[in-house]
N, C-alpha and C. Protein backbone atom coordinates (compact mmCIF):
# COMPACT_ATOMS: atom_id res chain seq x y z
N MET A 1 68.01 -3.17 128.08
CA MET A 1 68.19 -1.76 128.32
C MET A 1 67.04 -1.26 129.19
N PRO A 2 67.31 -0.48 130.22
CA PRO A 2 66.26 0.03 131.09
C PRO A 2 65.27 0.90 130.31
N PRO A 3 63.97 0.84 130.66
CA PRO A 3 62.97 1.60 129.91
C PRO A 3 63.16 3.11 129.99
N TYR A 4 63.70 3.61 131.09
CA TYR A 4 63.90 5.05 131.20
C TYR A 4 64.95 5.55 130.20
N ARG A 5 65.91 4.70 129.85
CA ARG A 5 66.92 5.09 128.86
C ARG A 5 66.28 5.26 127.49
N ASN A 6 65.40 4.33 127.12
CA ASN A 6 64.72 4.44 125.84
C ASN A 6 63.86 5.70 125.79
N ASP A 7 63.21 6.03 126.90
CA ASP A 7 62.38 7.24 126.94
C ASP A 7 63.25 8.49 126.84
N LYS A 8 64.40 8.46 127.46
CA LYS A 8 65.32 9.60 127.38
C LYS A 8 65.82 9.79 125.94
N ILE A 9 66.15 8.69 125.28
CA ILE A 9 66.59 8.76 123.88
C ILE A 9 65.46 9.29 123.02
N ARG A 10 64.23 8.82 123.27
CA ARG A 10 63.06 9.27 122.51
C ARG A 10 62.87 10.78 122.63
N LYS A 11 62.93 11.29 123.84
CA LYS A 11 62.75 12.73 124.05
C LYS A 11 63.87 13.54 123.40
N THR A 12 65.08 13.03 123.47
CA THR A 12 66.21 13.72 122.85
C THR A 12 66.06 13.73 121.34
N LEU A 13 65.64 12.62 120.77
CA LEU A 13 65.44 12.56 119.32
C LEU A 13 64.37 13.54 118.86
N ILE A 14 63.27 13.62 119.59
CA ILE A 14 62.20 14.57 119.24
C ILE A 14 62.76 15.99 119.21
N LYS A 15 63.48 16.35 120.25
CA LYS A 15 64.03 17.71 120.35
C LYS A 15 65.02 17.99 119.21
N GLU A 16 65.91 17.05 118.96
CA GLU A 16 66.94 17.26 117.94
C GLU A 16 66.37 17.26 116.52
N ILE A 17 65.41 16.38 116.24
CA ILE A 17 64.81 16.36 114.91
C ILE A 17 64.08 17.66 114.64
N ALA A 18 63.34 18.16 115.62
CA ALA A 18 62.64 19.44 115.46
C ALA A 18 63.64 20.56 115.19
N ASP A 19 64.75 20.56 115.92
CA ASP A 19 65.77 21.59 115.73
C ASP A 19 66.41 21.49 114.34
N ILE A 20 66.68 20.29 113.89
CA ILE A 20 67.29 20.09 112.57
C ILE A 20 66.36 20.58 111.47
N ILE A 21 65.08 20.23 111.56
CA ILE A 21 64.12 20.65 110.53
C ILE A 21 64.00 22.17 110.50
N GLN A 22 63.95 22.80 111.67
CA GLN A 22 63.77 24.25 111.73
C GLN A 22 65.02 25.03 111.32
N LYS A 23 66.19 24.55 111.73
CA LYS A 23 67.38 25.38 111.59
C LYS A 23 68.41 24.86 110.59
N LYS A 24 68.49 23.55 110.39
CA LYS A 24 69.61 23.00 109.63
C LYS A 24 69.27 22.70 108.18
N LEU A 25 68.03 22.31 107.90
CA LEU A 25 67.67 21.97 106.53
C LEU A 25 67.49 23.24 105.71
N ASN A 26 68.15 23.28 104.59
CA ASN A 26 68.03 24.44 103.70
C ASN A 26 67.21 24.06 102.47
N ASP A 27 66.05 23.48 102.72
CA ASP A 27 65.17 23.04 101.65
C ASP A 27 64.07 24.09 101.47
N SER A 28 64.01 24.68 100.29
CA SER A 28 63.04 25.74 100.04
C SER A 28 61.60 25.22 100.02
N ARG A 29 61.43 23.91 99.91
CA ARG A 29 60.07 23.35 99.89
C ARG A 29 59.44 23.30 101.27
N ILE A 30 60.24 23.40 102.32
CA ILE A 30 59.70 23.34 103.68
C ILE A 30 59.15 24.71 104.05
N GLY A 31 57.86 24.74 104.34
CA GLY A 31 57.20 26.00 104.70
C GLY A 31 56.19 25.74 105.79
N GLY A 32 55.69 26.80 106.38
CA GLY A 32 54.74 26.65 107.46
C GLY A 32 55.46 26.24 108.74
N ILE A 33 54.69 25.71 109.66
CA ILE A 33 55.23 25.28 110.94
C ILE A 33 55.22 23.75 110.97
N VAL A 34 56.37 23.16 111.25
CA VAL A 34 56.49 21.71 111.37
C VAL A 34 56.67 21.39 112.85
N SER A 35 55.81 20.50 113.35
CA SER A 35 55.85 20.12 114.75
C SER A 35 55.97 18.60 114.87
N ILE A 36 56.95 18.15 115.64
CA ILE A 36 57.10 16.72 115.90
C ILE A 36 56.13 16.37 117.03
N THR A 37 55.12 15.54 116.73
CA THR A 37 54.09 15.23 117.72
C THR A 37 54.42 14.01 118.55
N ASP A 38 55.12 13.04 117.98
CA ASP A 38 55.46 11.82 118.73
C ASP A 38 56.58 11.09 118.01
N LEU A 39 57.17 10.14 118.71
CA LEU A 39 58.23 9.31 118.13
C LEU A 39 58.18 7.95 118.81
N GLU A 40 58.15 6.91 118.00
CA GLU A 40 58.21 5.55 118.51
C GLU A 40 59.55 4.97 118.10
N ILE A 41 60.29 4.42 119.06
CA ILE A 41 61.60 3.89 118.76
C ILE A 41 61.62 2.40 119.11
N SER A 42 62.29 1.61 118.28
CA SER A 42 62.38 0.17 118.53
C SER A 42 63.22 -0.10 119.78
N HIS A 43 63.07 -1.28 120.34
CA HIS A 43 63.77 -1.60 121.58
C HIS A 43 65.29 -1.58 121.43
N ASP A 44 65.79 -1.82 120.21
CA ASP A 44 67.24 -1.80 119.99
C ASP A 44 67.73 -0.48 119.37
N ASN A 45 66.85 0.49 119.29
CA ASN A 45 67.17 1.84 118.77
C ASN A 45 67.61 1.83 117.30
N SER A 46 67.22 0.83 116.54
CA SER A 46 67.64 0.77 115.14
C SER A 46 66.62 1.40 114.20
N TYR A 47 65.42 1.64 114.68
CA TYR A 47 64.35 2.14 113.82
C TYR A 47 63.47 3.07 114.63
N ALA A 48 63.06 4.18 114.01
CA ALA A 48 62.19 5.14 114.70
C ALA A 48 61.12 5.65 113.74
N LYS A 49 59.88 5.69 114.22
CA LYS A 49 58.78 6.30 113.48
C LYS A 49 58.58 7.69 114.06
N VAL A 50 58.67 8.70 113.21
CA VAL A 50 58.55 10.08 113.64
C VAL A 50 57.21 10.62 113.13
N TYR A 51 56.33 10.98 114.06
CA TYR A 51 55.03 11.54 113.70
C TYR A 51 55.14 13.06 113.77
N TYR A 52 54.66 13.72 112.72
CA TYR A 52 54.79 15.17 112.67
C TYR A 52 53.55 15.81 112.05
N SER A 53 53.32 17.07 112.39
CA SER A 53 52.23 17.86 111.83
C SER A 53 52.82 19.05 111.11
N VAL A 54 52.13 19.46 110.05
CA VAL A 54 52.53 20.63 109.28
C VAL A 54 51.36 21.60 109.27
N PHE A 55 51.61 22.82 109.71
CA PHE A 55 50.58 23.86 109.68
C PHE A 55 50.92 24.83 108.56
N ALA A 56 50.23 24.65 107.43
CA ALA A 56 50.46 25.47 106.24
C ALA A 56 49.27 25.26 105.31
N PRO A 57 49.12 26.13 104.30
CA PRO A 57 48.08 25.88 103.29
C PRO A 57 48.32 24.52 102.62
N ASP A 58 47.25 23.92 102.09
CA ASP A 58 47.32 22.56 101.56
C ASP A 58 48.43 22.35 100.54
N GLU A 59 48.60 23.26 99.60
CA GLU A 59 49.64 23.10 98.58
C GLU A 59 51.04 23.10 99.21
N GLN A 60 51.26 24.03 100.11
CA GLN A 60 52.56 24.12 100.80
C GLN A 60 52.77 22.92 101.70
N LYS A 61 51.68 22.43 102.31
CA LYS A 61 51.78 21.27 103.19
C LYS A 61 52.28 20.04 102.42
N GLU A 62 51.75 19.82 101.22
CA GLU A 62 52.18 18.68 100.40
C GLU A 62 53.66 18.78 100.04
N LYS A 63 54.11 19.98 99.70
CA LYS A 63 55.53 20.18 99.38
C LYS A 63 56.41 19.91 100.60
N THR A 64 55.95 20.36 101.76
CA THR A 64 56.71 20.16 102.99
C THR A 64 56.81 18.68 103.35
N ILE A 65 55.70 17.96 103.22
CA ILE A 65 55.70 16.53 103.52
C ILE A 65 56.68 15.80 102.60
N LYS A 66 56.64 16.12 101.32
CA LYS A 66 57.56 15.49 100.36
C LYS A 66 59.01 15.84 100.69
N ALA A 67 59.26 17.08 101.04
CA ALA A 67 60.63 17.52 101.37
C ALA A 67 61.16 16.80 102.60
N ILE A 68 60.34 16.65 103.63
CA ILE A 68 60.79 15.97 104.84
C ILE A 68 61.10 14.50 104.55
N GLU A 69 60.25 13.86 103.77
CA GLU A 69 60.51 12.46 103.41
C GLU A 69 61.80 12.33 102.59
N ASP A 70 62.02 13.28 101.67
CA ASP A 70 63.24 13.25 100.85
C ASP A 70 64.49 13.54 101.68
N ASP A 71 64.35 14.36 102.71
CA ASP A 71 65.50 14.77 103.53
C ASP A 71 65.75 13.85 104.72
N ALA A 72 65.03 12.75 104.83
CA ALA A 72 65.20 11.84 105.97
C ALA A 72 66.65 11.36 106.12
N PRO A 73 67.36 11.01 105.05
CA PRO A 73 68.77 10.61 105.23
C PRO A 73 69.66 11.73 105.78
N LYS A 74 69.39 12.97 105.36
CA LYS A 74 70.16 14.11 105.88
C LYS A 74 69.89 14.30 107.37
N ILE A 75 68.62 14.15 107.75
CA ILE A 75 68.25 14.31 109.16
C ILE A 75 68.91 13.20 109.98
N ARG A 76 68.90 11.97 109.48
CA ARG A 76 69.53 10.86 110.18
C ARG A 76 71.03 11.10 110.35
N TYR A 77 71.67 11.59 109.30
CA TYR A 77 73.10 11.89 109.37
C TYR A 77 73.38 12.93 110.46
N GLU A 78 72.58 13.97 110.48
CA GLU A 78 72.78 15.03 111.48
C GLU A 78 72.51 14.51 112.89
N ILE A 79 71.52 13.64 113.05
CA ILE A 79 71.26 13.02 114.36
C ILE A 79 72.50 12.25 114.81
N GLY A 80 73.10 11.51 113.89
CA GLY A 80 74.30 10.74 114.20
C GLY A 80 75.45 11.61 114.66
N ARG A 81 75.52 12.81 114.13
CA ARG A 81 76.57 13.75 114.54
C ARG A 81 76.29 14.35 115.90
N ARG A 82 75.02 14.56 116.22
CA ARG A 82 74.66 15.25 117.47
C ARG A 82 74.54 14.33 118.67
N ILE A 83 74.07 13.11 118.46
CA ILE A 83 73.79 12.19 119.57
C ILE A 83 74.71 10.98 119.46
N ARG A 84 75.37 10.65 120.54
CA ARG A 84 76.29 9.51 120.56
C ARG A 84 75.52 8.23 120.89
N LEU A 85 75.17 7.48 119.86
CA LEU A 85 74.51 6.19 120.01
C LEU A 85 75.30 5.15 119.24
N ARG A 86 75.17 3.91 119.65
CA ARG A 86 75.85 2.84 118.91
C ARG A 86 75.33 2.79 117.48
N TYR A 87 74.01 2.84 117.33
CA TYR A 87 73.38 2.86 116.00
C TYR A 87 72.47 4.07 115.90
N THR A 88 72.60 4.81 114.83
CA THR A 88 71.68 5.90 114.58
C THR A 88 70.42 5.29 113.97
N PRO A 89 69.26 5.52 114.56
CA PRO A 89 68.06 4.85 114.06
C PRO A 89 67.68 5.30 112.65
N GLU A 90 67.15 4.35 111.90
CA GLU A 90 66.57 4.67 110.59
C GLU A 90 65.27 5.40 110.86
N LEU A 91 65.05 6.53 110.19
CA LEU A 91 63.89 7.36 110.48
C LEU A 91 62.81 7.18 109.42
N LYS A 92 61.59 6.96 109.86
CA LYS A 92 60.42 6.89 108.98
C LYS A 92 59.49 8.02 109.42
N PHE A 93 59.28 8.99 108.53
CA PHE A 93 58.44 10.14 108.86
C PHE A 93 57.00 9.86 108.44
N ILE A 94 56.07 10.06 109.39
CA ILE A 94 54.66 9.79 109.17
C ILE A 94 53.86 11.05 109.51
N PRO A 95 53.14 11.63 108.53
CA PRO A 95 52.32 12.81 108.81
C PRO A 95 51.23 12.48 109.83
N ASP A 96 51.01 13.37 110.78
CA ASP A 96 50.03 13.18 111.85
C ASP A 96 49.00 14.30 111.75
N ASN A 97 47.76 13.92 111.48
CA ASN A 97 46.69 14.92 111.33
C ASN A 97 45.79 15.00 112.55
N SER A 98 46.21 14.45 113.68
CA SER A 98 45.36 14.41 114.86
C SER A 98 45.04 15.82 115.39
N ILE A 99 45.97 16.73 115.28
CA ILE A 99 45.72 18.10 115.77
C ILE A 99 44.66 18.78 114.91
N GLU A 100 44.74 18.56 113.59
CA GLU A 100 43.73 19.14 112.69
C GLU A 100 42.36 18.53 112.96
N ARG A 101 42.31 17.22 113.18
CA ARG A 101 41.03 16.57 113.47
C ARG A 101 40.46 17.08 114.78
N GLY A 102 41.30 17.26 115.78
CA GLY A 102 40.85 17.80 117.06
C GLY A 102 40.30 19.21 116.92
N SER A 103 40.96 20.01 116.10
CA SER A 103 40.50 21.37 115.85
C SER A 103 39.13 21.35 115.16
N ARG A 104 38.96 20.45 114.22
CA ARG A 104 37.69 20.32 113.50
C ARG A 104 36.57 19.90 114.46
N VAL A 105 36.85 18.96 115.35
CA VAL A 105 35.85 18.51 116.33
C VAL A 105 35.46 19.66 117.25
N THR A 106 36.44 20.42 117.71
CA THR A 106 36.16 21.57 118.57
C THR A 106 35.30 22.60 117.84
N GLU A 107 35.59 22.82 116.57
CA GLU A 107 34.82 23.75 115.75
C GLU A 107 33.37 23.28 115.63
N LEU A 108 33.16 21.99 115.40
CA LEU A 108 31.81 21.44 115.29
C LEU A 108 31.06 21.55 116.61
N ILE A 109 31.73 21.29 117.71
CA ILE A 109 31.08 21.40 119.03
C ILE A 109 30.65 22.85 119.29
N ASP A 110 31.50 23.81 118.91
CA ASP A 110 31.15 25.22 119.08
C ASP A 110 29.92 25.58 118.24
N LYS A 111 29.85 25.07 117.01
CA LYS A 111 28.71 25.35 116.15
C LYS A 111 27.43 24.75 116.71
N ILE A 112 27.53 23.54 117.26
CA ILE A 112 26.36 22.88 117.85
C ILE A 112 25.89 23.66 119.08
N SER A 113 26.83 24.12 119.91
CA SER A 113 26.45 24.85 121.12
C SER A 113 25.82 26.21 120.79
N LYS A 114 26.19 26.79 119.65
CA LYS A 114 25.62 28.07 119.23
C LYS A 114 24.29 27.87 118.49
N GLY A 115 23.95 26.62 118.17
CA GLY A 115 22.69 26.35 117.49
C GLY A 115 22.79 26.45 115.98
N GLU A 116 23.98 26.53 115.42
CA GLU A 116 24.14 26.62 113.98
C GLU A 116 23.91 25.27 113.31
N ILE A 117 24.16 24.20 114.03
CA ILE A 117 23.95 22.84 113.51
C ILE A 117 22.97 22.14 114.43
N LYS A 118 21.98 21.50 113.82
CA LYS A 118 20.97 20.79 114.63
C LYS A 118 21.04 19.32 114.37
């Protein structure tokens, strides 16, 4: 399969998964802002790792992470309905904290530049 096709499928999956989480899931445990940061798909499109970030207070974040993991089969089913692929990939959701770590590093750099930390 040409590499551009896999990239096109990857981008479409990111867009559709984000839309499903925001609009289609009626899970009261999902709160805050959920952002799909990346997606890795196998060469045969049978498996996909979905990296996501949750912006919410810690307690709500834990509930949201659990809800997304529990709702993975529902999300996969909806992907199968929206995108015409031979195989709908099995989805593995992995929390991504890189944005939070980046924010923390920026905060520390600001404190150092202001002289608050020596």
